[in-house]
Amino acid sequence: MTGGLTVDAPSTAAPRDERLAELFRAESARAVRLAYLLTGERDLAEDLAQEAFLRIAGRLRSVYPDAFAAYYRRTLVNLVRSHHRHARVRRRYADRIEADARRARDAVEQASPPDARDDRLWTALTALPSGQREAIVCRYYLDMSEQQTADTLGVRVGTVKSATSRGLQALRSALAREEVS
């Protein structure tokens, strides 16, 4: 006793530590090989083998030395399965986030002015009279029917047809002039 506290003699902890070290040396190489064959990743295999050992090291008193190897392998296989299960969930979640981001990016691209490769078309489109530009945007950009376009613009269907036809002809002419230049 020192200062009123009972201190365990170092000899009681030493045999347990030696036993742990001996068991780890005996089984760790096989455990890492098993984990590597199940995961295909060396670093992950080493991490999982160590994790499995740490999980059973705390329960070592309840594990018989003869059963240690089997218990170690079973714990390791369970950890590998758990890793794969969590990885699948992470991939699905990442795929969902990526799909959402792609949809948002596509929506922004559709709503924003065209990029540099569409500058010629954008310039020609903005040069059209407003009625033709509106008809073309509604019909082809927003994929509206002639009736929907007419309702949106507050004009007759015949007006939509003629404005679209004249606008497309004007666009073709403007783009053809630019190609010749």
Protein backbone atom coordinates (compact mmCIF):
# COMPACT_ATOMS: atom_id res chain seq x y z
CA MET A 1 0.00 0.00 0.00
CA THR A 2 1.16 3.48 -0.82
CA GLY A 3 -0.68 6.54 0.39
CA GLY A 4 -3.78 4.52 1.31
CA LEU A 5 -4.20 3.06 -2.17
CA THR A 6 -3.74 -0.55 -3.10
CA VAL A 7 -1.52 -0.93 -6.13
CA ASP A 8 -1.60 -4.10 -8.19
CA ALA A 9 1.74 -5.68 -8.48
CA PRO A 10 3.21 -5.40 -11.97
CA SER A 11 3.46 -9.17 -12.12
CA THR A 12 -0.35 -9.57 -12.45
CA ALA A 13 -0.56 -7.35 -15.55
CA ALA A 14 2.59 -8.69 -17.16
CA PRO A 15 1.35 -12.27 -17.79
CA ARG A 16 -1.84 -10.94 -19.41
CA ASP A 17 0.16 -8.55 -21.63
CA GLU A 18 2.56 -11.34 -22.55
CA ARG A 19 -0.37 -13.60 -23.37
CA LEU A 20 -1.92 -10.88 -25.57
CA ALA A 21 1.38 -10.31 -27.36
CA GLU A 22 1.85 -14.04 -27.93
CA LEU A 23 -1.66 -14.49 -29.30
CA PHE A 24 -1.28 -11.45 -31.55
CA ARG A 25 2.05 -12.69 -32.94
CA ALA A 26 0.60 -16.15 -33.55
CA GLU A 27 -2.56 -15.03 -35.36
CA SER A 28 -2.03 -11.56 -36.81
CA ALA A 29 -0.35 -12.57 -40.08
CA ARG A 30 -3.12 -15.06 -40.88
CA ALA A 31 -5.77 -12.53 -39.90
CA VAL A 32 -4.29 -9.86 -42.17
CA ARG A 33 -4.15 -12.38 -45.05
CA LEU A 34 -7.79 -13.30 -44.46
CA ALA A 35 -8.86 -9.66 -44.34
CA TYR A 36 -6.81 -8.88 -47.46
CA LEU A 37 -8.46 -11.72 -49.38
CA LEU A 38 -11.88 -10.45 -48.29
CA THR A 39 -11.27 -6.75 -48.98
CA GLY A 40 -8.51 -6.60 -51.60
CA GLU A 41 -6.89 -3.67 -49.79
CA ARG A 42 -3.72 -4.16 -47.75
CA ASP A 43 -4.07 -1.11 -45.48
CA LEU A 44 -7.72 -1.83 -44.80
CA ALA A 45 -6.90 -5.47 -44.05
CA GLU A 46 -4.32 -4.44 -41.46
CA ASP A 47 -6.71 -1.95 -39.87
CA LEU A 48 -9.52 -4.49 -39.65
CA ALA A 49 -7.22 -7.19 -38.24
CA GLN A 50 -6.06 -4.80 -35.52
CA GLU A 51 -9.63 -3.71 -34.80
CA ALA A 52 -10.74 -7.34 -34.46
CA PHE A 53 -7.87 -8.06 -32.08
CA LEU A 54 -8.65 -5.02 -29.96
CA ARG A 55 -12.30 -6.00 -29.74
CA ILE A 56 -11.53 -9.44 -28.40
CA ALA A 57 -8.55 -8.40 -26.27
CA GLY A 58 -10.93 -6.83 -23.75
CA ARG A 59 -12.85 -10.11 -23.51
CA LEU A 60 -9.79 -12.30 -23.34
CA ARG A 61 -10.73 -13.76 -19.98
CA SER A 62 -13.89 -15.26 -21.49
CA VAL A 63 -12.10 -16.66 -24.56
CA TYR A 64 -10.28 -19.95 -24.19
CA PRO A 65 -6.79 -19.93 -25.72
CA ASP A 66 -7.70 -22.87 -27.96
CA ALA A 67 -10.72 -20.98 -29.30
CA PHE A 68 -8.91 -17.66 -29.70
CA ALA A 69 -8.00 -18.13 -33.40
CA ALA A 70 -11.55 -19.06 -34.39
CA TYR A 71 -13.00 -16.21 -32.34
CA TYR A 72 -10.48 -13.79 -33.90
CA ARG A 73 -11.37 -14.91 -37.45
CA ARG A 74 -15.12 -14.72 -36.75
CA THR A 75 -14.75 -11.19 -35.35
CA LEU A 76 -12.62 -10.22 -38.35
CA VAL A 77 -15.13 -11.59 -40.86
CA ASN A 78 -17.92 -9.70 -39.10
CA LEU A 79 -15.88 -6.49 -39.27
CA VAL A 80 -15.24 -7.01 -43.00
CA ARG A 81 -18.96 -7.56 -43.60
CA SER A 82 -19.78 -4.48 -41.59
CA HIS A 83 -17.21 -2.47 -43.55
CA HIS A 84 -18.72 -3.59 -46.87
CA ARG A 85 -22.24 -2.86 -45.66
CA HIS A 86 -21.26 0.64 -44.55
CA ALA A 87 -19.37 1.20 -47.81
CA ARG A 88 -22.50 0.29 -49.82
CA VAL A 89 -24.57 2.72 -47.79
CA ARG A 90 -21.95 5.45 -48.28
CA ARG A 91 -21.85 4.76 -52.04
CA ARG A 92 -25.64 4.91 -52.33
CA TYR A 93 -25.71 8.12 -50.35
CA ALA A 94 -22.86 9.59 -52.42
CA ASP A 95 -24.60 8.53 -55.64
CA ARG A 96 -27.82 10.20 -54.47
CA ILE A 97 -25.99 13.40 -53.57
CA GLU A 98 -24.16 13.33 -56.92
CA ALA A 99 -27.42 12.82 -58.82
CA ASP A 100 -29.05 15.68 -56.91
CA ALA A 101 -26.06 17.91 -57.64
CA ARG A 102 -26.15 16.93 -61.33
CA ARG A 103 -29.86 17.77 -61.53
CA ALA A 104 -29.27 21.10 -59.81
CA ARG A 105 -26.31 21.84 -62.12
CA ASP A 106 -28.41 20.96 -65.18
CA ALA A 107 -31.23 23.20 -63.97
CA VAL A 108 -28.80 26.08 -63.46
CA GLU A 109 -27.28 25.51 -66.90
CA GLN A 110 -30.72 25.48 -68.49
CA ALA A 111 -31.78 28.63 -66.64
CA SER A 112 -28.56 30.57 -67.13
CA PRO A 113 -27.30 32.20 -70.31
CA PRO A 114 -25.48 29.82 -72.64
CA ASP A 115 -21.75 29.29 -72.30
CA ALA A 116 -19.08 30.32 -74.84
CA ARG A 117 -19.80 27.53 -77.33
CA ASP A 118 -23.38 28.74 -77.69
CA ASP A 119 -22.46 32.42 -77.99
CA ARG A 120 -23.18 32.54 -81.73
CA LEU A 121 -26.65 31.10 -81.29
CA TRP A 122 -27.31 33.28 -78.24
CA THR A 123 -26.22 36.41 -80.11
CA ALA A 124 -28.41 35.53 -83.09
CA LEU A 125 -31.36 34.75 -80.80
CA THR A 126 -31.10 38.06 -78.94
CA ALA A 127 -31.01 39.90 -82.28
CA LEU A 128 -34.48 38.58 -83.21
CA PRO A 129 -37.59 40.69 -82.65
CA SER A 130 -39.11 39.93 -79.24
CA GLY A 131 -42.17 38.10 -80.61
CA GLN A 132 -40.03 35.68 -82.64
CA ARG A 133 -37.55 35.19 -79.80
CA GLU A 134 -40.37 34.50 -77.30
CA ALA A 135 -42.03 32.01 -79.64
CA ILE A 136 -38.76 30.14 -80.26
CA VAL A 137 -37.83 30.06 -76.58
CA CYS A 138 -41.25 28.74 -75.57
CA ARG A 139 -41.45 26.17 -78.36
CA TYR A 140 -37.91 24.77 -78.39
CA TYR A 141 -36.23 25.79 -75.16
CA LEU A 142 -39.20 25.16 -72.87
CA ASP A 143 -40.60 22.42 -75.13
CA MET A 144 -44.12 23.86 -75.14
CA SER A 145 -46.78 22.96 -77.67
CA GLU A 146 -48.06 25.63 -80.06
CA GLN A 147 -51.22 25.96 -77.96
CA GLN A 148 -49.27 26.28 -74.69
CA THR A 149 -47.01 28.89 -76.29
CA ALA A 150 -50.01 30.84 -77.57
CA ASP A 151 -51.61 30.76 -74.12
CA THR A 152 -48.38 31.83 -72.44
CA LEU A 153 -47.72 34.71 -74.85
CA GLY A 154 -51.39 35.72 -75.09
CA VAL A 155 -51.52 35.38 -78.88
CA ARG A 156 -53.23 33.11 -81.38
CA VAL A 157 -51.78 29.77 -82.45
CA GLY A 158 -51.35 31.10 -86.02
CA THR A 159 -49.21 33.95 -84.64
CA VAL A 160 -47.02 31.42 -82.81
CA LYS A 161 -46.59 29.39 -86.01
CA SER A 162 -45.60 32.37 -88.13
CA ALA A 163 -43.34 33.92 -85.46
CA THR A 164 -41.57 30.59 -84.95
CA SER A 165 -41.15 30.03 -88.68
CA ARG A 166 -39.79 33.54 -89.32
CA GLY A 167 -37.56 33.40 -86.25
CA LEU A 168 -36.01 30.06 -87.27
CA GLN A 169 -35.40 31.34 -90.78
CA ALA A 170 -33.74 34.47 -89.38
CA LEU A 171 -31.54 32.33 -87.06
CA ARG A 172 -30.46 30.09 -89.93
CA SER A 173 -29.56 33.11 -92.05
CA ALA A 174 -27.62 34.80 -89.24
CA LEU A 175 -25.65 31.65 -88.41
CA ALA A 176 -24.94 30.96 -92.09
CA ARG A 177 -23.60 34.53 -92.51
CA GLU A 178 -21.27 34.03 -89.54
CA GLU A 179 -19.92 30.76 -90.97
CA VAL A 180 -19.12 32.45 -94.28
CA SER A 181 -17.40 35.37 -92.54
